[in-house]
Amino acid sequence: MFQMSPGKAAEKALKAAQYTVDADKTNFHDLVQNCNDLNDSELTNLASQLESLVGGSARMRYPDRMCFPQIPNEVYSEQMAQQALQLAKKIIARVKNRIT
């Protein structure tokens, strides 16, 4: 089964919203940076909360971004995962409303 992290799902949604603005490809992985041209303070706020919670998307995907001897599984709690999921769902819903 294919699974995507909440941060990555939110990033994809924000890039879709960005595409509707100017159709330029964005190579940014930073959620807040992907909100820059969207003129939506709520999306920016949600993206900022998610970035603050997970510490950037690369941190979850690449274990070498953690301070030795920690691994992502030891840094993120169940509660943090649930919060990240809820924030990502809000971002995705807001983008969906924006582009439909």
N, C-alpha and C. Protein backbone atom coordinates (compact mmCIF):
# COMPACT_ATOMS: atom_id res chain seq x y z
N MET A 1 0.83 -1.16 0.00
CA MET A 1 0.00 0.00 0.00
C MET A 1 0.89 1.25 0.00
N PHE A 2 0.51 2.24 -0.80
CA PHE A 2 1.26 3.50 -0.87
C PHE A 2 0.84 4.40 0.27
N GLN A 3 1.82 4.95 0.96
CA GLN A 3 1.55 5.88 2.04
C GLN A 3 2.39 7.13 1.84
N MET A 4 1.83 8.25 2.23
CA MET A 4 2.53 9.52 2.12
C MET A 4 2.47 10.21 3.47
N SER A 5 3.54 10.86 3.84
CA SER A 5 3.54 11.59 5.11
C SER A 5 2.62 12.80 5.00
N PRO A 6 2.06 13.23 6.12
CA PRO A 6 1.20 14.42 6.09
C PRO A 6 1.90 15.64 5.50
N GLY A 7 3.17 15.81 5.82
CA GLY A 7 3.92 16.94 5.29
C GLY A 7 4.05 16.89 3.78
N LYS A 8 4.31 15.71 3.26
CA LYS A 8 4.46 15.54 1.81
C LYS A 8 3.12 15.74 1.11
N ALA A 9 2.04 15.23 1.70
CA ALA A 9 0.71 15.42 1.12
C ALA A 9 0.34 16.90 1.08
N ALA A 10 0.64 17.61 2.16
CA ALA A 10 0.37 19.05 2.21
C ALA A 10 1.20 19.78 1.17
N GLU A 11 2.46 19.38 1.03
CA GLU A 11 3.34 20.01 0.04
C GLU A 11 2.76 19.84 -1.37
N LYS A 12 2.30 18.65 -1.70
CA LYS A 12 1.73 18.39 -3.03
C LYS A 12 0.48 19.24 -3.25
N ALA A 13 -0.36 19.37 -2.22
CA ALA A 13 -1.56 20.19 -2.34
C ALA A 13 -1.19 21.65 -2.58
N LEU A 14 -0.23 22.16 -1.82
CA LEU A 14 0.19 23.55 -1.98
C LEU A 14 0.80 23.80 -3.35
N LYS A 15 1.52 22.84 -3.87
CA LYS A 15 2.09 22.98 -5.21
C LYS A 15 0.99 22.98 -6.26
N ALA A 16 -0.07 22.22 -6.04
CA ALA A 16 -1.22 22.24 -6.96
C ALA A 16 -1.87 23.62 -6.95
N ALA A 17 -2.03 24.19 -5.76
CA ALA A 17 -2.60 25.54 -5.66
C ALA A 17 -1.70 26.55 -6.35
N GLN A 18 -0.41 26.42 -6.15
CA GLN A 18 0.55 27.32 -6.79
C GLN A 18 0.45 27.22 -8.31
N TYR A 19 0.27 26.02 -8.80
CA TYR A 19 0.17 25.79 -10.24
C TYR A 19 -1.02 26.54 -10.83
N THR A 20 -2.11 26.65 -10.07
CA THR A 20 -3.27 27.38 -10.58
C THR A 20 -3.02 28.88 -10.65
N VAL A 21 -2.01 29.37 -9.93
CA VAL A 21 -1.70 30.80 -9.94
C VAL A 21 -0.84 31.16 -11.15
N ASP A 22 0.24 30.40 -11.39
CA ASP A 22 1.14 30.79 -12.48
C ASP A 22 1.68 29.64 -13.32
N ALA A 23 1.34 28.43 -13.00
CA ALA A 23 1.74 27.24 -13.77
C ALA A 23 3.24 27.05 -13.88
N ASP A 24 4.00 27.72 -13.02
CA ASP A 24 5.44 27.49 -12.98
C ASP A 24 5.74 26.37 -11.99
N LYS A 25 6.69 25.53 -12.38
CA LYS A 25 7.09 24.45 -11.48
C LYS A 25 7.84 25.04 -10.29
N THR A 26 7.51 24.54 -9.13
CA THR A 26 8.23 24.95 -7.93
C THR A 26 9.04 23.78 -7.41
N ASN A 27 10.26 24.05 -7.02
CA ASN A 27 11.13 23.00 -6.49
C ASN A 27 11.30 23.11 -4.98
N PHE A 28 10.51 23.97 -4.36
CA PHE A 28 10.62 24.15 -2.92
C PHE A 28 9.93 23.01 -2.18
N HIS A 29 10.51 22.61 -1.07
CA HIS A 29 9.88 21.61 -0.21
C HIS A 29 9.34 22.26 1.06
N ASP A 30 9.73 23.50 1.30
CA ASP A 30 9.28 24.25 2.46
C ASP A 30 7.81 24.62 2.26
N LEU A 31 6.97 24.22 3.21
CA LEU A 31 5.53 24.44 3.07
C LEU A 31 5.18 25.92 3.04
N VAL A 32 5.78 26.69 3.91
CA VAL A 32 5.48 28.13 3.97
C VAL A 32 5.91 28.81 2.68
N GLN A 33 7.06 28.44 2.18
CA GLN A 33 7.55 29.03 0.94
C GLN A 33 6.61 28.72 -0.23
N ASN A 34 6.00 27.55 -0.20
CA ASN A 34 5.06 27.19 -1.25
C ASN A 34 3.75 27.98 -1.15
N CYS A 35 3.55 28.69 -0.06
CA CYS A 35 2.35 29.53 0.11
C CYS A 35 2.58 30.97 -0.34
N ASN A 36 3.81 31.34 -0.64
CA ASN A 36 4.15 32.75 -0.87
C ASN A 36 3.25 33.47 -1.86
N ASP A 37 2.94 32.89 -2.98
CA ASP A 37 2.16 33.58 -4.01
C ASP A 37 0.67 33.27 -3.96
N LEU A 38 0.23 32.61 -2.92
CA LEU A 38 -1.17 32.19 -2.85
C LEU A 38 -2.08 33.23 -2.20
N ASN A 39 -1.51 34.21 -1.52
CA ASN A 39 -2.29 35.26 -0.86
C ASN A 39 -3.40 34.68 0.01
N ASP A 40 -3.03 33.71 0.82
CA ASP A 40 -4.00 33.06 1.71
C ASP A 40 -3.35 32.90 3.08
N SER A 41 -3.67 33.81 3.97
CA SER A 41 -3.02 33.80 5.28
C SER A 41 -3.35 32.56 6.09
N GLU A 42 -4.54 31.99 5.89
CA GLU A 42 -4.91 30.77 6.62
C GLU A 42 -4.06 29.60 6.15
N LEU A 43 -3.84 29.47 4.85
CA LEU A 43 -2.97 28.41 4.33
C LEU A 43 -1.55 28.59 4.86
N THR A 44 -1.07 29.81 4.85
CA THR A 44 0.27 30.08 5.35
C THR A 44 0.38 29.73 6.83
N ASN A 45 -0.63 30.06 7.60
CA ASN A 45 -0.65 29.74 9.02
C ASN A 45 -0.65 28.23 9.25
N LEU A 46 -1.49 27.51 8.52
CA LEU A 46 -1.53 26.05 8.66
C LEU A 46 -0.19 25.43 8.26
N ALA A 47 0.38 25.92 7.16
CA ALA A 47 1.67 25.41 6.70
C ALA A 47 2.76 25.66 7.73
N SER A 48 2.73 26.83 8.33
CA SER A 48 3.71 27.17 9.36
C SER A 48 3.57 26.26 10.58
N GLN A 49 2.33 26.01 10.99
CA GLN A 49 2.10 25.10 12.12
C GLN A 49 2.64 23.70 11.83
N LEU A 50 2.37 23.21 10.62
CA LEU A 50 2.82 21.87 10.25
C LEU A 50 4.35 21.81 10.18
N GLU A 51 4.96 22.82 9.58
CA GLU A 51 6.43 22.87 9.52
C GLU A 51 7.03 22.90 10.93
N SER A 52 6.44 23.69 11.81
CA SER A 52 6.94 23.78 13.19
C SER A 52 6.83 22.45 13.90
N LEU A 53 5.74 21.76 13.65
CA LEU A 53 5.50 20.48 14.32
C LEU A 53 6.47 19.40 13.86
N VAL A 54 6.65 19.27 12.56
CA VAL A 54 7.48 18.17 12.04
C VAL A 54 8.93 18.58 11.79
N GLY A 55 9.21 19.89 11.79
CA GLY A 55 10.58 20.33 11.60
C GLY A 55 11.08 20.22 10.18
N GLY A 56 10.22 20.29 9.22
CA GLY A 56 10.62 20.20 7.82
C GLY A 56 10.44 18.79 7.29
N SER A 57 10.09 18.71 6.03
CA SER A 57 9.78 17.40 5.44
C SER A 57 10.98 16.47 5.36
N ALA A 58 12.16 17.00 5.13
CA ALA A 58 13.35 16.15 5.01
C ALA A 58 13.68 15.45 6.31
N ARG A 59 13.35 16.08 7.40
CA ARG A 59 13.67 15.50 8.72
C ARG A 59 12.97 14.16 8.93
N MET A 60 11.74 14.03 8.42
CA MET A 60 11.01 12.77 8.59
C MET A 60 11.47 11.70 7.62
N ARG A 61 11.89 12.12 6.44
CA ARG A 61 12.24 11.15 5.41
C ARG A 61 13.66 10.63 5.49
N TYR A 62 14.56 11.45 6.00
CA TYR A 62 15.97 11.08 6.00
C TYR A 62 16.49 10.95 7.43
N PRO A 63 16.72 9.73 7.88
CA PRO A 63 17.20 9.53 9.26
C PRO A 63 18.50 10.25 9.57
N ASP A 64 19.33 10.49 8.56
CA ASP A 64 20.60 11.17 8.83
C ASP A 64 20.42 12.65 9.18
N ARG A 65 19.22 13.17 9.06
CA ARG A 65 18.93 14.55 9.45
C ARG A 65 18.67 14.68 10.95
N MET A 66 18.60 13.53 11.63
CA MET A 66 18.39 13.52 13.07
C MET A 66 19.73 13.56 13.78
N CYS A 67 19.71 14.05 14.99
CA CYS A 67 20.92 14.03 15.81
C CYS A 67 21.15 12.62 16.32
N PHE A 68 22.34 12.10 16.09
CA PHE A 68 22.69 10.76 16.55
C PHE A 68 22.44 10.66 18.05
N PRO A 69 21.89 9.62 18.55
CA PRO A 69 21.53 8.35 17.92
C PRO A 69 20.04 8.25 17.58
N GLN A 70 19.33 9.37 17.52
CA GLN A 70 17.89 9.33 17.29
C GLN A 70 17.54 8.98 15.85
N ILE A 71 16.35 8.40 15.70
CA ILE A 71 15.76 8.13 14.40
C ILE A 71 14.36 8.74 14.42
N PRO A 72 13.75 8.97 13.25
CA PRO A 72 12.43 9.61 13.23
C PRO A 72 11.40 8.95 14.15
N ASN A 73 11.42 7.64 14.23
CA ASN A 73 10.46 6.93 15.07
C ASN A 73 10.58 7.31 16.54
N GLU A 74 11.76 7.71 16.96
CA GLU A 74 11.98 8.07 18.36
C GLU A 74 11.68 9.55 18.63
N VAL A 75 11.58 10.35 17.59
CA VAL A 75 11.39 11.79 17.74
C VAL A 75 9.92 12.19 17.66
N TYR A 76 9.16 11.49 16.83
CA TYR A 76 7.76 11.85 16.62
C TYR A 76 6.84 10.92 17.41
N SER A 77 6.00 11.52 18.23
CA SER A 77 5.05 10.75 19.04
C SER A 77 3.77 10.50 18.25
N GLU A 78 2.94 9.63 18.78
CA GLU A 78 1.63 9.37 18.19
C GLU A 78 0.80 10.65 18.15
N GLN A 79 0.87 11.43 19.21
CA GLN A 79 0.12 12.69 19.28
C GLN A 79 0.60 13.66 18.19
N MET A 80 1.90 13.74 18.01
CA MET A 80 2.45 14.61 16.96
C MET A 80 1.99 14.16 15.58
N ALA A 81 1.97 12.86 15.37
CA ALA A 81 1.52 12.31 14.09
C ALA A 81 0.06 12.66 13.84
N GLN A 82 -0.77 12.55 14.87
CA GLN A 82 -2.18 12.89 14.73
C GLN A 82 -2.36 14.39 14.44
N GLN A 83 -1.60 15.22 15.12
CA GLN A 83 -1.67 16.67 14.88
C GLN A 83 -1.24 16.99 13.45
N ALA A 84 -0.17 16.36 13.00
CA ALA A 84 0.32 16.58 11.64
C ALA A 84 -0.73 16.15 10.62
N LEU A 85 -1.36 15.03 10.87
CA LEU A 85 -2.40 14.54 9.96
C LEU A 85 -3.57 15.52 9.89
N GLN A 86 -4.00 16.04 11.03
CA GLN A 86 -5.12 16.99 11.05
C GLN A 86 -4.76 18.29 10.32
N LEU A 87 -3.56 18.78 10.53
CA LEU A 87 -3.12 19.99 9.83
C LEU A 87 -3.06 19.76 8.32
N ALA A 88 -2.53 18.62 7.91
CA ALA A 88 -2.45 18.31 6.48
C ALA A 88 -3.84 18.20 5.88
N LYS A 89 -4.77 17.59 6.59
CA LYS A 89 -6.15 17.49 6.09
C LYS A 89 -6.76 18.87 5.90
N LYS A 90 -6.50 19.79 6.83
CA LYS A 90 -7.02 21.15 6.71
C LYS A 90 -6.42 21.86 5.50
N ILE A 91 -5.12 21.67 5.29
CA ILE A 91 -4.45 22.28 4.13
C ILE A 91 -5.04 21.73 2.84
N ILE A 92 -5.18 20.42 2.77
CA ILE A 92 -5.71 19.79 1.56
C ILE A 92 -7.14 20.25 1.29
N ALA A 93 -7.97 20.32 2.32
CA ALA A 93 -9.36 20.76 2.15
C ALA A 93 -9.42 22.21 1.67
N ARG A 94 -8.57 23.05 2.23
CA ARG A 94 -8.56 24.47 1.83
C ARG A 94 -8.10 24.62 0.38
N VAL A 95 -7.09 23.86 -0.01
CA VAL A 95 -6.63 23.90 -1.39
C VAL A 95 -7.71 23.37 -2.32
N LYS A 96 -8.36 22.30 -1.92
CA LYS A 96 -9.43 21.72 -2.75
C LYS A 96 -10.54 22.75 -2.99
N ASN A 97 -10.94 23.44 -1.94
CA ASN A 97 -11.97 24.48 -2.09
C ASN A 97 -11.50 25.61 -2.99
N ARG A 98 -10.23 25.88 -2.94
CA ARG A 98 -9.66 26.97 -3.73
C ARG A 98 -9.62 26.63 -5.22
N ILE A 99 -9.33 25.39 -5.56
CA ILE A 99 -9.13 25.05 -6.97
C ILE A 99 -10.36 24.43 -7.64
N THR A 100 -11.41 24.19 -6.87
CA THR A 100 -12.61 23.61 -7.50
C THR A 100 -13.73 24.63 -7.59
